[in-house]
Amino acid sequence: SDQGSHYTSRQFRQLLWRYRIRQSMSRRGNCWDNSPMERFFRSLKNEWVPATGYVSFSDAAHAITDYIVGYYSALRPHEYNGGLPPNESENRYWKKL
């Protein structure tokens, strides 16, 4: 997240600690630190998560795993990789070595 006061407050940090959630924030003054993850979650929300949400946590976990493993990494083209999915780009990298 950014360095906003609501994310750095003691109350918020205690809530994260209670639920064993590890907080991730970019460095102060560097908004680009977290941009790859923000882009990933934007894609996940726009391409996969239904507008009405999921019925259960289990449904969400399965659907999001399918997105990451079955679509995002295996099939979805990425501009950074010359239009290749990450798995294909990595396979080509290792074949060149």
C-alpha atoms as a PDB file:
ATOM      1  CA  SER A   1       0.000   0.000   0.000  1.00  0.00           C
ATOM      2  CA  ASP A   2       0.969   3.627   0.065  1.00  0.00           C
ATOM      3  CA  GLN A   3       2.166   5.423   3.174  1.00  0.00           C
ATOM      4  CA  GLY A   4      -1.286   6.822   4.026  1.00  0.00           C
ATOM      5  CA  SER A   5      -2.020   7.438   7.690  1.00  0.00           C
ATOM      6  CA  HIS A   6      -4.825   4.867   7.723  1.00  0.00           C
ATOM      7  CA  TYR A   7      -2.326   2.143   6.697  1.00  0.00           C
ATOM      8  CA  THR A   8       0.397   3.207   9.122  1.00  0.00           C
ATOM      9  CA  SER A   9      -1.859   3.712  12.150  1.00  0.00           C
ATOM     10  CA  ARG A  10      -1.311   1.597  15.240  1.00  0.00           C
ATOM     11  CA  GLN A  11      -4.915   0.360  15.139  1.00  0.00           C
ATOM     12  CA  PHE A  12      -4.585  -0.891  11.554  1.00  0.00           C
ATOM     13  CA  ARG A  13      -1.219  -2.557  12.218  1.00  0.00           C
ATOM     14  CA  GLN A  14      -2.638  -4.311  15.299  1.00  0.00           C
ATOM     15  CA  LEU A  15      -5.546  -5.602  13.239  1.00  0.00           C
ATOM     16  CA  LEU A  16      -3.124  -7.019  10.683  1.00  0.00           C
ATOM     17  CA  TRP A  17      -1.072  -8.618  13.451  1.00  0.00           C
ATOM     18  CA  ARG A  18      -4.196 -10.170  15.007  1.00  0.00           C
ATOM     19  CA  TYR A  19      -5.105 -11.888  11.739  1.00  0.00           C
ATOM     20  CA  ARG A  20      -1.475 -12.747  10.930  1.00  0.00           C
ATOM     21  CA  ILE A  21      -1.435 -10.612   7.804  1.00  0.00           C
ATOM     22  CA  ARG A  22       1.906  -9.310   6.628  1.00  0.00           C
ATOM     23  CA  GLN A  23       1.755  -5.687   5.568  1.00  0.00           C
ATOM     24  CA  SER A  24       3.449  -4.633   2.353  1.00  0.00           C
ATOM     25  CA  MET A  25       4.163  -0.982   1.644  1.00  0.00           C
ATOM     26  CA  SER A  26       6.272   0.794  -0.902  1.00  0.00           C
ATOM     27  CA  ARG A  27       9.155   2.948   0.203  1.00  0.00           C
ATOM     28  CA  ARG A  28       8.288   6.477   1.174  1.00  0.00           C
ATOM     29  CA  GLY A  29       8.113   8.680  -1.907  1.00  0.00           C
ATOM     30  CA  ASN A  30       8.422   5.818  -4.414  1.00  0.00           C
ATOM     31  CA  CYS A  31       5.026   4.912  -5.826  1.00  0.00           C
ATOM     32  CA  TRP A  32       6.538   2.538  -8.401  1.00  0.00           C
ATOM     33  CA  ASP A  33       7.679  -0.059  -5.833  1.00  0.00           C
ATOM     34  CA  ASN A  34       4.336  -1.795  -5.706  1.00  0.00           C
ATOM     35  CA  SER A  35       3.181  -1.216  -9.279  1.00  0.00           C
ATOM     36  CA  PRO A  36       3.668  -4.826 -10.518  1.00  0.00           C
ATOM     37  CA  MET A  37       1.385  -6.170  -7.784  1.00  0.00           C
ATOM     38  CA  GLU A  38      -1.141  -3.390  -8.270  1.00  0.00           C
ATOM     39  CA  ARG A  39      -1.231  -4.243 -11.991  1.00  0.00           C
ATOM     40  CA  PHE A  40      -1.695  -7.935 -11.221  1.00  0.00           C
ATOM     41  CA  PHE A  41      -4.601  -7.299  -8.849  1.00  0.00           C
ATOM     42  CA  ARG A  42      -6.204  -4.891 -11.312  1.00  0.00           C
ATOM     43  CA  SER A  43      -6.080  -7.629 -13.962  1.00  0.00           C
ATOM     44  CA  LEU A  44      -7.452 -10.198 -11.536  1.00  0.00           C
ATOM     45  CA  LYS A  45     -10.388  -7.982 -10.570  1.00  0.00           C
ATOM     46  CA  ASN A  46     -11.187  -6.866 -14.122  1.00  0.00           C
ATOM     47  CA  GLU A  47     -10.709 -10.191 -15.896  1.00  0.00           C
ATOM     48  CA  TRP A  48     -11.748 -12.831 -13.403  1.00  0.00           C
ATOM     49  CA  VAL A  49     -13.550 -11.848 -10.211  1.00  0.00           C
ATOM     50  CA  PRO A  50     -17.318 -11.629 -10.736  1.00  0.00           C
ATOM     51  CA  ALA A  51     -18.906  -8.269  -9.942  1.00  0.00           C
ATOM     52  CA  THR A  52     -21.100  -9.970  -7.352  1.00  0.00           C
ATOM     53  CA  GLY A  53     -18.133 -11.613  -5.622  1.00  0.00           C
ATOM     54  CA  TYR A  54     -17.875 -15.238  -4.578  1.00  0.00           C
ATOM     55  CA  VAL A  55     -20.327 -17.293  -2.547  1.00  0.00           C
ATOM     56  CA  SER A  56     -17.646 -18.681  -0.241  1.00  0.00           C
ATOM     57  CA  PHE A  57     -13.988 -18.336   0.598  1.00  0.00           C
ATOM     58  CA  SER A  58     -13.396 -21.789  -0.876  1.00  0.00           C
ATOM     59  CA  ASP A  59     -14.960 -20.761  -4.207  1.00  0.00           C
ATOM     60  CA  ALA A  60     -12.784 -17.651  -4.267  1.00  0.00           C
ATOM     61  CA  ALA A  61      -9.617 -19.596  -3.455  1.00  0.00           C
ATOM     62  CA  HIS A  62     -10.248 -22.140  -6.220  1.00  0.00           C
ATOM     63  CA  ALA A  63     -11.195 -19.536  -8.820  1.00  0.00           C
ATOM     64  CA  ILE A  64      -8.214 -17.309  -8.055  1.00  0.00           C
ATOM     65  CA  THR A  65      -5.840 -20.285  -8.146  1.00  0.00           C
ATOM     66  CA  ASP A  66      -7.293 -21.204 -11.544  1.00  0.00           C
ATOM     67  CA  TYR A  67      -6.694 -17.634 -12.712  1.00  0.00           C
ATOM     68  CA  ILE A  68      -3.081 -17.526 -11.567  1.00  0.00           C
ATOM     69  CA  VAL A  69      -2.015 -21.042 -12.574  1.00  0.00           C
ATOM     70  CA  GLY A  70      -4.322 -21.802 -15.473  1.00  0.00           C
ATOM     71  CA  TYR A  71      -4.718 -18.439 -17.153  1.00  0.00           C
ATOM     72  CA  TYR A  72      -2.461 -15.602 -15.981  1.00  0.00           C
ATOM     73  CA  SER A  73       0.795 -17.562 -16.067  1.00  0.00           C
ATOM     74  CA  ALA A  74      -0.033 -20.082 -18.768  1.00  0.00           C
ATOM     75  CA  LEU A  75      -2.196 -18.308 -21.357  1.00  0.00           C
ATOM     76  CA  ARG A  76      -2.515 -14.563 -20.777  1.00  0.00           C
ATOM     77  CA  PRO A  77      -0.213 -12.558 -23.073  1.00  0.00           C
ATOM     78  CA  HIS A  78       2.054 -10.044 -21.331  1.00  0.00           C
ATOM     79  CA  GLU A  79       3.351  -7.008 -23.167  1.00  0.00           C
ATOM     80  CA  TYR A  80       6.573  -7.073 -21.123  1.00  0.00           C
ATOM     81  CA  ASN A  81       7.341 -10.559 -22.490  1.00  0.00           C
ATOM     82  CA  GLY A  82       6.782  -9.616 -26.109  1.00  0.00           C
ATOM     83  CA  GLY A  83       3.187 -10.817 -25.991  1.00  0.00           C
ATOM     84  CA  LEU A  84       4.039 -14.204 -24.495  1.00  0.00           C
ATOM     85  CA  PRO A  85       2.532 -15.683 -21.340  1.00  0.00           C
ATOM     86  CA  PRO A  86       5.034 -15.823 -18.437  1.00  0.00           C
ATOM     87  CA  ASN A  87       5.398 -19.612 -18.572  1.00  0.00           C
ATOM     88  CA  GLU A  88       6.246 -19.566 -22.284  1.00  0.00           C
ATOM     89  CA  SER A  89       8.669 -16.696 -21.830  1.00  0.00           C
ATOM     90  CA  GLU A  90      10.449 -18.554 -19.041  1.00  0.00           C
ATOM     91  CA  ASN A  91      10.607 -21.779 -21.073  1.00  0.00           C
ATOM     92  CA  ARG A  92      12.209 -19.932 -23.978  1.00  0.00           C
ATOM     93  CA  TYR A  93      14.696 -18.298 -21.623  1.00  0.00           C
ATOM     94  CA  TRP A  94      15.852 -21.641 -20.228  1.00  0.00           C
ATOM     95  CA  LYS A  95      16.102 -23.219 -23.686  1.00  0.00           C
ATOM     96  CA  LYS A  96      18.508 -20.463 -24.754  1.00  0.00           C
ATOM     97  CA  LEU A  97      20.949 -21.284 -21.947  1.00  0.00           C
END
